Amino acid sequence: MTLPSTPSEESGSAAEGARDGIVDRTGWREVVTALIPSLRAFAWSLSRNAADADDLVQETLTKAWTYRERFEPGTNLRAWLFTILRNSWYSAVVKRLREVADEDGHHAARMTAEASQEWSVELRALKLALDDLSPEHREAIIMVGAAGLSYEEAAEIAGCALGTIKSRVNRARNRLAEAMDMPRGAD
């Protein structure tokens, strides 16, 4: 990735174009190539590691090539590339700050999460069982069981007697328990 630069290369039209900011689309690749030694020196000054500097320059060149149509001819290509490099470096620094070093795997071994597959299957089964209930029983079990209303509040909302709502809730619970293969209460 690194290219040696000689004094004759630095005095060439590509280097002059980069310094002056006068770059046409056809000469873009040559100017970028001429700036690699400067990019590498800047990357090394940030990372203090030759391998990291090379990686940073490579990332910069990849981003520059990907977004080359965003570069406006006549502006300072060198400054544009150095900005990309600097932003890439700081993004990597922020990312590293959030990472947790865990070479031996102890931290990862402590991290667990319960399986969610069973819950999604049970939730789907509950939804199907609720859909199979009559509208009156479904309304009663949702008001009392899910919404947490008292039997009195549910009876008032449903416009029926207290005993009726208790009966509907009991029947709904038993039908749901049967549908979901759970132990049932008294009928």
N, C-alpha and C. Protein backbone atom coordinates (compact mmCIF):
# COMPACT_ATOMS: atom_id res chain seq x y z
N MET A 1 0.81 -1.18 0.00
CA MET A 1 0.00 0.00 0.00
C MET A 1 0.86 1.25 0.00
N THR A 2 2.03 1.19 0.63
CA THR A 2 2.86 2.38 0.70
C THR A 2 3.69 2.48 -0.57
N LEU A 3 3.81 3.69 -1.06
CA LEU A 3 4.61 3.94 -2.24
C LEU A 3 5.75 4.88 -1.86
N PRO A 4 6.94 4.55 -2.26
CA PRO A 4 8.04 5.46 -1.95
C PRO A 4 7.89 6.73 -2.77
N SER A 5 8.25 7.84 -2.18
CA SER A 5 8.18 9.09 -2.93
C SER A 5 9.60 9.63 -3.11
N THR A 6 9.79 10.15 -4.26
CA THR A 6 11.09 10.76 -4.56
C THR A 6 10.85 12.24 -4.78
N PRO A 7 11.90 13.03 -4.69
CA PRO A 7 11.72 14.47 -4.91
C PRO A 7 11.13 14.77 -6.28
N SER A 8 11.46 13.97 -7.31
CA SER A 8 10.91 14.25 -8.64
C SER A 8 9.40 13.99 -8.67
N GLU A 9 8.95 13.00 -7.89
CA GLU A 9 7.51 12.74 -7.86
C GLU A 9 6.78 13.88 -7.15
N GLU A 10 7.36 14.38 -6.10
CA GLU A 10 6.72 15.44 -5.35
C GLU A 10 6.60 16.72 -6.17
N SER A 11 7.50 16.89 -7.11
CA SER A 11 7.43 18.11 -7.91
C SER A 11 6.59 17.91 -9.16
N GLY A 12 6.04 16.72 -9.34
CA GLY A 12 5.22 16.43 -10.51
C GLY A 12 3.89 17.16 -10.47
N SER A 13 3.17 17.07 -11.58
CA SER A 13 1.91 17.81 -11.69
C SER A 13 0.85 17.30 -10.72
N ALA A 14 0.86 16.01 -10.39
CA ALA A 14 -0.13 15.46 -9.46
C ALA A 14 0.02 16.09 -8.09
N ALA A 15 1.24 16.15 -7.59
CA ALA A 15 1.47 16.72 -6.27
C ALA A 15 1.13 18.21 -6.27
N GLU A 16 1.51 18.89 -7.36
CA GLU A 16 1.20 20.32 -7.44
C GLU A 16 -0.30 20.54 -7.50
N GLY A 17 -1.00 19.67 -8.23
CA GLY A 17 -2.45 19.78 -8.31
C GLY A 17 -3.09 19.59 -6.96
N ALA A 18 -2.56 18.67 -6.15
CA ALA A 18 -3.12 18.43 -4.83
C ALA A 18 -2.88 19.62 -3.92
N ARG A 19 -1.68 20.22 -4.04
CA ARG A 19 -1.37 21.36 -3.20
C ARG A 19 -2.23 22.57 -3.58
N ASP A 20 -2.41 22.75 -4.87
CA ASP A 20 -3.16 23.90 -5.35
C ASP A 20 -4.66 23.69 -5.25
N GLY A 21 -5.10 22.45 -5.13
CA GLY A 21 -6.52 22.18 -5.09
C GLY A 21 -7.16 22.15 -6.46
N ILE A 22 -6.32 22.16 -7.50
CA ILE A 22 -6.85 22.14 -8.86
C ILE A 22 -6.73 20.71 -9.37
N VAL A 23 -7.82 20.01 -9.31
CA VAL A 23 -7.81 18.61 -9.69
C VAL A 23 -9.02 18.35 -10.57
N ASP A 24 -8.77 17.84 -11.78
CA ASP A 24 -9.90 17.44 -12.60
C ASP A 24 -10.19 15.96 -12.35
N ARG A 25 -11.32 15.49 -12.79
CA ARG A 25 -11.74 14.12 -12.52
C ARG A 25 -10.78 13.08 -13.11
N THR A 26 -10.20 13.38 -14.24
CA THR A 26 -9.31 12.40 -14.88
C THR A 26 -8.00 12.25 -14.13
N GLY A 27 -7.52 13.29 -13.51
CA GLY A 27 -6.25 13.23 -12.78
C GLY A 27 -6.42 12.89 -11.31
N TRP A 28 -7.64 12.61 -10.90
CA TRP A 28 -7.94 12.36 -9.50
C TRP A 28 -7.13 11.21 -8.93
N ARG A 29 -7.07 10.11 -9.64
CA ARG A 29 -6.35 8.92 -9.15
C ARG A 29 -4.86 9.22 -8.97
N GLU A 30 -4.27 9.91 -9.90
CA GLU A 30 -2.84 10.21 -9.80
C GLU A 30 -2.54 11.12 -8.62
N VAL A 31 -3.41 12.08 -8.38
CA VAL A 31 -3.19 13.01 -7.27
C VAL A 31 -3.34 12.27 -5.94
N VAL A 32 -4.34 11.41 -5.85
CA VAL A 32 -4.55 10.65 -4.61
C VAL A 32 -3.34 9.75 -4.36
N THR A 33 -2.86 9.09 -5.40
CA THR A 33 -1.70 8.21 -5.26
C THR A 33 -0.48 9.00 -4.79
N ALA A 34 -0.31 10.21 -5.30
CA ALA A 34 0.83 11.03 -4.90
C ALA A 34 0.73 11.46 -3.43
N LEU A 35 -0.47 11.47 -2.87
CA LEU A 35 -0.66 11.90 -1.49
C LEU A 35 -0.52 10.77 -0.47
N ILE A 36 -0.36 9.54 -0.92
CA ILE A 36 -0.29 8.40 0.00
C ILE A 36 0.83 8.56 1.03
N PRO A 37 2.04 8.97 0.66
CA PRO A 37 3.08 9.13 1.69
C PRO A 37 2.70 10.15 2.77
N SER A 38 2.07 11.24 2.37
CA SER A 38 1.64 12.24 3.36
C SER A 38 0.54 11.68 4.24
N LEU A 39 -0.39 10.95 3.65
CA LEU A 39 -1.46 10.33 4.43
C LEU A 39 -0.88 9.33 5.43
N ARG A 40 0.10 8.55 4.96
CA ARG A 40 0.70 7.55 5.84
C ARG A 40 1.44 8.22 7.01
N ALA A 41 2.12 9.30 6.74
CA ALA A 41 2.83 10.02 7.81
C ALA A 41 1.83 10.58 8.83
N PHE A 42 0.74 11.14 8.34
CA PHE A 42 -0.27 11.67 9.24
C PHE A 42 -0.92 10.55 10.05
N ALA A 43 -1.22 9.43 9.39
CA ALA A 43 -1.82 8.28 10.08
C ALA A 43 -0.87 7.75 11.15
N TRP A 44 0.42 7.70 10.84
CA TRP A 44 1.39 7.23 11.83
C TRP A 44 1.45 8.19 13.02
N SER A 45 1.35 9.48 12.76
CA SER A 45 1.39 10.44 13.86
C SER A 45 0.20 10.28 14.80
N LEU A 46 -0.91 9.79 14.27
CA LEU A 46 -2.07 9.55 15.11
C LEU A 46 -1.97 8.21 15.84
N SER A 47 -1.60 7.17 15.12
CA SER A 47 -1.64 5.82 15.70
C SER A 47 -0.35 5.38 16.36
N ARG A 48 0.77 5.92 15.93
CA ARG A 48 2.10 5.55 16.44
C ARG A 48 2.41 4.07 16.21
N ASN A 49 1.81 3.51 15.15
CA ASN A 49 2.00 2.10 14.83
C ASN A 49 1.92 1.98 13.32
N ALA A 50 2.94 1.39 12.69
CA ALA A 50 3.00 1.31 11.23
C ALA A 50 1.84 0.50 10.65
N ALA A 51 1.52 -0.63 11.28
CA ALA A 51 0.43 -1.47 10.75
C ALA A 51 -0.91 -0.75 10.87
N ASP A 52 -1.15 -0.11 12.00
CA ASP A 52 -2.40 0.64 12.17
C ASP A 52 -2.46 1.82 11.20
N ALA A 53 -1.32 2.46 10.97
CA ALA A 53 -1.27 3.58 10.04
C ALA A 53 -1.61 3.11 8.63
N ASP A 54 -1.04 1.97 8.22
CA ASP A 54 -1.36 1.42 6.90
C ASP A 54 -2.85 1.09 6.78
N ASP A 55 -3.42 0.52 7.84
CA ASP A 55 -4.85 0.20 7.83
C ASP A 55 -5.69 1.46 7.72
N LEU A 56 -5.29 2.48 8.42
CA LEU A 56 -6.01 3.75 8.40
C LEU A 56 -5.93 4.41 7.03
N VAL A 57 -4.78 4.36 6.41
CA VAL A 57 -4.63 4.92 5.06
C VAL A 57 -5.48 4.12 4.08
N GLN A 58 -5.47 2.81 4.22
CA GLN A 58 -6.28 1.98 3.33
C GLN A 58 -7.76 2.30 3.49
N GLU A 59 -8.22 2.45 4.73
CA GLU A 59 -9.61 2.80 4.97
C GLU A 59 -9.93 4.17 4.37
N THR A 60 -9.01 5.11 4.51
CA THR A 60 -9.20 6.44 3.95
C THR A 60 -9.32 6.39 2.44
N LEU A 61 -8.43 5.63 1.81
CA LEU A 61 -8.46 5.54 0.35
C LEU A 61 -9.73 4.84 -0.14
N THR A 62 -10.17 3.85 0.61
CA THR A 62 -11.40 3.15 0.25
C THR A 62 -12.60 4.10 0.33
N LYS A 63 -12.67 4.86 1.41
CA LYS A 63 -13.77 5.83 1.55
C LYS A 63 -13.69 6.91 0.47
N ALA A 64 -12.48 7.39 0.21
CA ALA A 64 -12.31 8.42 -0.81
C ALA A 64 -12.74 7.90 -2.18
N TRP A 65 -12.36 6.69 -2.49
CA TRP A 65 -12.74 6.12 -3.78
C TRP A 65 -14.26 5.91 -3.86
N THR A 66 -14.85 5.43 -2.77
CA THR A 66 -16.28 5.19 -2.74
C THR A 66 -17.07 6.49 -2.92
N TYR A 67 -16.59 7.55 -2.30
CA TYR A 67 -17.32 8.83 -2.33
C TYR A 67 -16.63 9.86 -3.22
N ARG A 68 -15.88 9.41 -4.20
CA ARG A 68 -15.11 10.34 -5.03
C ARG A 68 -16.00 11.32 -5.79
N GLU A 69 -17.24 10.95 -6.08
CA GLU A 69 -18.13 11.89 -6.79
C GLU A 69 -18.53 13.06 -5.89
N ARG A 70 -18.32 12.94 -4.59
CA ARG A 70 -18.64 14.04 -3.67
C ARG A 70 -17.52 15.08 -3.62
N PHE A 71 -16.35 14.69 -4.09
CA PHE A 71 -15.25 15.66 -4.11
C PHE A 71 -15.51 16.66 -5.22
N GLU A 72 -15.36 17.94 -4.89
CA GLU A 72 -15.59 18.99 -5.87
C GLU A 72 -14.25 19.40 -6.49
N PRO A 73 -14.12 19.19 -7.81
CA PRO A 73 -12.86 19.61 -8.47
C PRO A 73 -12.61 21.10 -8.21
N GLY A 74 -11.35 21.39 -7.99
CA GLY A 74 -10.97 22.77 -7.71
C GLY A 74 -10.83 23.05 -6.22
N THR A 75 -11.32 22.12 -5.38
CA THR A 75 -11.13 22.29 -3.95
C THR A 75 -9.89 21.51 -3.53
N ASN A 76 -9.53 21.58 -2.28
CA ASN A 76 -8.29 21.01 -1.79
C ASN A 76 -8.46 19.51 -1.50
N LEU A 77 -7.98 18.68 -2.42
CA LEU A 77 -8.08 17.24 -2.27
C LEU A 77 -7.30 16.75 -1.06
N ARG A 78 -6.14 17.33 -0.83
CA ARG A 78 -5.32 16.93 0.32
C ARG A 78 -6.09 17.13 1.63
N ALA A 79 -6.72 18.28 1.78
CA ALA A 79 -7.50 18.56 2.99
C ALA A 79 -8.68 17.60 3.10
N TRP A 80 -9.31 17.27 1.99
CA TRP A 80 -10.44 16.35 1.98
C TRP A 80 -10.01 14.97 2.45
N LEU A 81 -8.88 14.49 1.94
CA LEU A 81 -8.37 13.17 2.34
C LEU A 81 -7.93 13.16 3.80
N PHE A 82 -7.25 14.21 4.22
CA PHE A 82 -6.82 14.28 5.62
C PHE A 82 -8.02 14.33 6.57
N THR A 83 -9.08 14.98 6.15
CA THR A 83 -10.30 15.02 6.97
C THR A 83 -10.91 13.64 7.09
N ILE A 84 -10.96 12.91 5.98
CA ILE A 84 -11.48 11.54 6.01
C ILE A 84 -10.62 10.69 6.94
N LEU A 85 -9.32 10.81 6.83
CA LEU A 85 -8.41 10.03 7.67
C LEU A 85 -8.60 10.37 9.15
N ARG A 86 -8.65 11.65 9.44
CA ARG A 86 -8.81 12.09 10.84
C ARG A 86 -10.14 11.61 11.41
N ASN A 87 -11.23 11.74 10.66
CA ASN A 87 -12.53 11.30 11.14
C ASN A 87 -12.57 9.78 11.32
N SER A 88 -11.92 9.05 10.43
CA SER A 88 -11.85 7.59 10.57
C SER A 88 -11.09 7.21 11.84
N TRP A 89 -10.01 7.92 12.11
CA TRP A 89 -9.22 7.64 13.31
C TRP A 89 -10.05 7.88 14.57
N TYR A 90 -10.71 9.02 14.65
CA TYR A 90 -11.48 9.33 15.85
C TYR A 90 -12.69 8.40 16.00
N SER A 91 -13.29 8.00 14.91
CA SER A 91 -14.39 7.03 14.98
C SER A 91 -13.89 5.71 15.56
N ALA A 92 -12.70 5.29 15.13
CA ALA A 92 -12.12 4.05 15.65
C ALA A 92 -11.77 4.18 17.13
N VAL A 93 -11.29 5.34 17.53
CA VAL A 93 -10.95 5.56 18.95
C VAL A 93 -12.21 5.45 19.81
N VAL A 94 -13.28 6.09 19.39
CA VAL A 94 -14.54 6.04 20.13
C VAL A 94 -15.05 4.60 20.20
N LYS A 95 -14.93 3.89 19.10
CA LYS A 95 -15.37 2.48 19.08
C LYS A 95 -14.55 1.64 20.05
N ARG A 96 -13.24 1.86 20.07
CA ARG A 96 -12.38 1.10 20.99
C ARG A 96 -12.69 1.41 22.45
N LEU A 97 -13.10 2.64 22.75
CA LEU A 97 -13.44 2.99 24.12
C LEU A 97 -14.67 2.22 24.61
N ARG A 98 -15.57 1.90 23.68
CA ARG A 98 -16.78 1.17 24.06
C ARG A 98 -16.54 -0.33 24.14
N GLU A 99 -15.47 -0.82 23.56
CA GLU A 99 -15.19 -2.24 23.56
C GLU A 99 -14.59 -2.67 24.89
N VAL A 100 -14.86 -3.91 25.25
CA VAL A 100 -14.33 -4.47 26.48
C VAL A 100 -13.30 -5.53 26.11
N ALA A 101 -12.09 -5.37 26.62
CA ALA A 101 -11.05 -6.36 26.36
C ALA A 101 -11.40 -7.65 27.08
N ASP A 102 -11.41 -8.75 26.34
CA ASP A 102 -11.81 -10.04 26.92
C ASP A 102 -11.04 -11.15 26.21
N GLU A 103 -9.71 -11.09 26.32
CA GLU A 103 -8.88 -12.06 25.61
C GLU A 103 -9.12 -13.50 26.06
N ASP A 104 -9.37 -13.69 27.36
CA ASP A 104 -9.54 -15.05 27.87
C ASP A 104 -11.00 -15.51 27.86
N GLY A 105 -11.94 -14.66 27.51
CA GLY A 105 -13.33 -15.04 27.37
C GLY A 105 -14.14 -15.08 28.65
N HIS A 106 -13.59 -14.61 29.77
CA HIS A 106 -14.32 -14.64 31.04
C HIS A 106 -15.56 -13.74 31.00
N HIS A 107 -15.40 -12.55 30.44
CA HIS A 107 -16.53 -11.62 30.39
C HIS A 107 -17.64 -12.18 29.50
N ALA A 108 -17.28 -12.70 28.37
CA ALA A 108 -18.28 -13.26 27.45
C ALA A 108 -18.98 -14.47 28.06
N ALA A 109 -18.28 -15.25 28.84
CA ALA A 109 -18.87 -16.44 29.45
C ALA A 109 -19.94 -16.06 30.47
N ARG A 110 -19.82 -14.89 31.10
CA ARG A 110 -20.81 -14.46 32.09
C ARG A 110 -22.05 -13.86 31.46
N MET A 111 -21.96 -13.51 30.21
CA MET A 111 -23.09 -12.88 29.54
C MET A 111 -24.04 -13.96 29.00
N THR A 112 -25.24 -13.97 29.51
CA THR A 112 -26.24 -14.92 29.06
C THR A 112 -27.56 -14.21 28.84
N ALA A 113 -28.37 -14.80 28.03
CA ALA A 113 -29.72 -14.31 27.80
C ALA A 113 -30.65 -15.50 27.70
N GLU A 114 -31.80 -15.35 28.30
CA GLU A 114 -32.76 -16.43 28.23
C GLU A 114 -33.25 -16.58 26.80
N ALA A 115 -33.53 -17.81 26.44
CA ALA A 115 -34.05 -18.08 25.10
C ALA A 115 -35.44 -17.47 24.97
N SER A 116 -35.67 -16.82 23.88
CA SER A 116 -36.97 -16.17 23.69
C SER A 116 -37.90 -16.99 22.81
N GLN A 117 -37.43 -18.09 22.26
CA GLN A 117 -38.25 -18.86 21.35
C GLN A 117 -39.49 -19.41 22.05
N GLU A 118 -39.33 -19.93 23.26
CA GLU A 118 -40.47 -20.51 23.97
C GLU A 118 -41.53 -19.45 24.23
N TRP A 119 -41.11 -18.26 24.62
CA TRP A 119 -42.07 -17.21 24.90
C TRP A 119 -42.84 -16.83 23.64
N SER A 120 -42.17 -16.75 22.51
CA SER A 120 -42.88 -16.36 21.30
C SER A 120 -43.86 -17.45 20.87
N VAL A 121 -43.50 -18.72 21.07
CA VAL A 121 -44.41 -19.81 20.76
C VAL A 121 -45.61 -19.78 21.70
N GLU A 122 -45.36 -19.58 23.00
CA GLU A 122 -46.45 -19.52 23.96
C GLU A 122 -47.34 -18.30 23.72
N LEU A 123 -46.76 -17.19 23.35
CA LEU A 123 -47.55 -16.00 23.07
C LEU A 123 -48.45 -16.22 21.86
N ARG A 124 -47.91 -16.85 20.84
CA ARG A 124 -48.71 -17.16 19.65
C ARG A 124 -49.86 -18.12 20.02
N ALA A 125 -49.57 -19.12 20.85
CA ALA A 125 -50.61 -20.06 21.28
C ALA A 125 -51.68 -19.35 22.10
N LEU A 126 -51.27 -18.42 22.96
CA LEU A 126 -52.24 -17.66 23.75
C LEU A 126 -53.12 -16.81 22.85
N LYS A 127 -52.51 -16.17 21.86
CA LYS A 127 -53.30 -15.34 20.94
C LYS A 127 -54.33 -16.19 20.21
N LEU A 128 -53.92 -17.35 19.73
CA LEU A 128 -54.87 -18.24 19.05
C LEU A 128 -55.97 -18.70 19.99
N ALA A 129 -55.61 -19.03 21.24
CA ALA A 129 -56.60 -19.46 22.21
C ALA A 129 -57.57 -18.32 22.53
N LEU A 130 -57.07 -17.09 22.66
CA LEU A 130 -57.95 -15.94 22.89
C LEU A 130 -58.89 -15.72 21.72
N ASP A 131 -58.38 -15.91 20.51
CA ASP A 131 -59.21 -15.74 19.31
C ASP A 131 -60.34 -16.76 19.27
N ASP A 132 -60.12 -17.94 19.87
CA ASP A 132 -61.14 -18.99 19.87
C ASP A 132 -62.24 -18.74 20.90
N LEU A 133 -62.02 -17.86 21.86
CA LEU A 133 -63.04 -17.56 22.87
C LEU A 133 -64.17 -16.75 22.25
N SER A 134 -65.34 -16.85 22.86
CA SER A 134 -66.45 -16.00 22.42
C SER A 134 -66.09 -14.55 22.76
N PRO A 135 -66.66 -13.58 22.06
CA PRO A 135 -66.33 -12.18 22.34
C PRO A 135 -66.59 -11.78 23.80
N GLU A 136 -67.65 -12.30 24.43
CA GLU A 136 -67.95 -11.94 25.81
C GLU A 136 -66.89 -12.49 26.77
N HIS A 137 -66.49 -13.74 26.54
CA HIS A 137 -65.47 -14.34 27.41
C HIS A 137 -64.10 -13.68 27.20
N ARG A 138 -63.77 -13.39 25.93
CA ARG A 138 -62.50 -12.72 25.63
C ARG A 138 -62.45 -11.34 26.30
N GLU A 139 -63.53 -10.58 26.18
CA GLU A 139 -63.60 -9.25 26.79
C GLU A 139 -63.44 -9.35 28.31
N ALA A 140 -64.12 -10.30 28.93
CA ALA A 140 -64.07 -10.43 30.39
C ALA A 140 -62.67 -10.80 30.86
N ILE A 141 -62.02 -11.76 30.22
CA ILE A 141 -60.69 -12.20 30.66
C ILE A 141 -59.65 -11.11 30.42
N ILE A 142 -59.80 -10.35 29.37
CA ILE A 142 -58.84 -9.27 29.10
C ILE A 142 -59.00 -8.14 30.10
N MET A 143 -60.25 -7.79 30.42
CA MET A 143 -60.47 -6.70 31.38
C MET A 143 -59.95 -7.08 32.76
N VAL A 144 -60.22 -8.31 33.20
CA VAL A 144 -59.84 -8.71 34.56
C VAL A 144 -58.40 -9.23 34.59
N GLY A 145 -58.06 -10.10 33.65
CA GLY A 145 -56.74 -10.74 33.67
C GLY A 145 -55.62 -9.88 33.14
N ALA A 146 -55.86 -9.19 32.03
CA ALA A 146 -54.78 -8.43 31.40
C ALA A 146 -54.76 -6.97 31.85
N ALA A 147 -55.94 -6.33 31.88
CA ALA A 147 -56.01 -4.91 32.23
C ALA A 147 -55.98 -4.68 33.74
N GLY A 148 -56.24 -5.73 34.51
CA GLY A 148 -56.18 -5.61 35.96
C GLY A 148 -57.37 -4.93 36.59
N LEU A 149 -58.50 -4.88 35.89
CA LEU A 149 -59.70 -4.27 36.46
C LEU A 149 -60.31 -5.21 37.49
N SER A 150 -61.01 -4.66 38.43
CA SER A 150 -61.73 -5.50 39.40
C SER A 150 -62.96 -6.08 38.71
N TYR A 151 -63.53 -7.11 39.34
CA TYR A 151 -64.75 -7.70 38.78
C TYR A 151 -65.86 -6.65 38.71
N GLU A 152 -65.96 -5.80 39.71
CA GLU A 152 -66.98 -4.76 39.73
C GLU A 152 -66.81 -3.79 38.57
N GLU A 153 -65.56 -3.35 38.33
CA GLU A 153 -65.29 -2.42 37.22
C GLU A 153 -65.59 -3.09 35.88
N ALA A 154 -65.18 -4.35 35.74
CA ALA A 154 -65.43 -5.07 34.50
C ALA A 154 -66.92 -5.26 34.26
N ALA A 155 -67.67 -5.57 35.32
CA ALA A 155 -69.12 -5.74 35.18
C ALA A 155 -69.77 -4.43 34.76
N GLU A 156 -69.32 -3.34 35.34
CA GLU A 156 -69.87 -2.03 34.99
C GLU A 156 -69.58 -1.69 33.53
N ILE A 157 -68.36 -1.94 33.07
CA ILE A 157 -67.98 -1.64 31.69
C ILE A 157 -68.75 -2.53 30.72
N ALA A 158 -68.89 -3.82 31.06
CA ALA A 158 -69.59 -4.75 30.18
C ALA A 158 -71.10 -4.60 30.25
N GLY A 159 -71.58 -3.92 31.27
CA GLY A 159 -73.02 -3.70 31.40
C GLY A 159 -73.76 -4.97 31.79
N CYS A 160 -73.15 -5.75 32.69
CA CYS A 160 -73.79 -6.99 33.14
C CYS A 160 -73.63 -7.12 34.65
N ALA A 161 -74.24 -8.15 35.20
CA ALA A 161 -74.20 -8.38 36.64
C ALA A 161 -72.81 -8.86 37.07
N LEU A 162 -72.48 -8.65 38.34
CA LEU A 162 -71.19 -9.06 38.89
C LEU A 162 -70.99 -10.57 38.74
N GLY A 163 -72.02 -11.35 39.03
CA GLY A 163 -71.93 -12.81 38.90
C GLY A 163 -71.68 -13.25 37.47
N THR A 164 -72.26 -12.52 36.53
CA THR A 164 -72.08 -12.86 35.11
C THR A 164 -70.61 -12.66 34.70
N ILE A 165 -70.02 -11.55 35.11
CA ILE A 165 -68.62 -11.29 34.73
C ILE A 165 -67.70 -12.30 35.39
N LYS A 166 -68.00 -12.69 36.65
CA LYS A 166 -67.18 -13.70 37.33
C LYS A 166 -67.28 -15.03 36.60
N SER A 167 -68.46 -15.37 36.16
CA SER A 167 -68.67 -16.61 35.43
C SER A 167 -67.94 -16.59 34.09
N ARG A 168 -68.01 -15.49 33.38
CA ARG A 168 -67.32 -15.37 32.09
C ARG A 168 -65.80 -15.48 32.26
N VAL A 169 -65.28 -14.82 33.27
CA VAL A 169 -63.83 -14.88 33.52
C VAL A 169 -63.42 -16.31 33.86
N ASN A 170 -64.19 -16.99 34.70
CA ASN A 170 -63.87 -18.36 35.09
C ASN A 170 -63.90 -19.29 33.88
N ARG A 171 -64.94 -19.19 33.07
CA ARG A 171 -65.04 -20.03 31.86
C ARG A 171 -63.90 -19.72 30.89
N ALA A 172 -63.58 -18.45 30.74
CA ALA A 172 -62.49 -18.07 29.83
C ALA A 172 -61.15 -18.62 30.31
N ARG A 173 -60.90 -18.54 31.61
CA ARG A 173 -59.66 -19.10 32.17
C ARG A 173 -59.57 -20.60 31.93
N ASN A 174 -60.67 -21.29 32.15
CA ASN A 174 -60.67 -22.74 31.95
C ASN A 174 -60.45 -23.10 30.48
N ARG A 175 -61.07 -22.39 29.57
CA ARG A 175 -60.91 -22.67 28.14
C ARG A 175 -59.47 -22.35 27.69
N LEU A 176 -58.92 -21.26 28.19
CA LEU A 176 -57.53 -20.92 27.86
C LEU A 176 -56.58 -21.98 28.41
N ALA A 177 -56.80 -22.41 29.64
CA ALA A 177 -55.94 -23.44 30.25
C ALA A 177 -56.03 -24.74 29.46
N GLU A 178 -57.23 -25.10 29.02
CA GLU A 178 -57.40 -26.30 28.22
C GLU A 178 -56.70 -26.16 26.87
N ALA A 179 -56.88 -25.04 26.24
CA ALA A 179 -56.27 -24.82 24.93
C ALA A 179 -54.75 -24.81 25.01
N MET A 180 -54.21 -24.40 26.15
CA MET A 180 -52.75 -24.29 26.28
C MET A 180 -52.18 -25.44 27.10
N ASP A 181 -52.96 -26.47 27.33
CA ASP A 181 -52.51 -27.66 28.06
C ASP A 181 -51.98 -27.32 29.45
N MET A 182 -52.74 -26.51 30.18
CA MET A 182 -52.36 -26.12 31.53
C MET A 182 -53.41 -26.67 32.49
N PRO A 183 -53.05 -26.85 33.77
CA PRO A 183 -54.04 -27.32 34.75
C PRO A 183 -55.21 -26.34 34.85
N ARG A 184 -56.42 -26.88 35.00
CA ARG A 184 -57.61 -26.03 35.04
C ARG A 184 -58.15 -25.93 36.44
N GLY A 185 -58.88 -24.84 36.67
CA GLY A 185 -59.58 -24.65 37.94
C GLY A 185 -60.96 -25.31 37.88
N ALA A 186 -61.79 -25.07 38.88
CA ALA A 186 -63.14 -25.65 38.93
C ALA A 186 -64.04 -24.95 37.93
N ASP A 187 -64.98 -25.72 37.35
CA ASP A 187 -65.93 -25.14 36.39
C ASP A 187 -67.00 -24.36 37.04
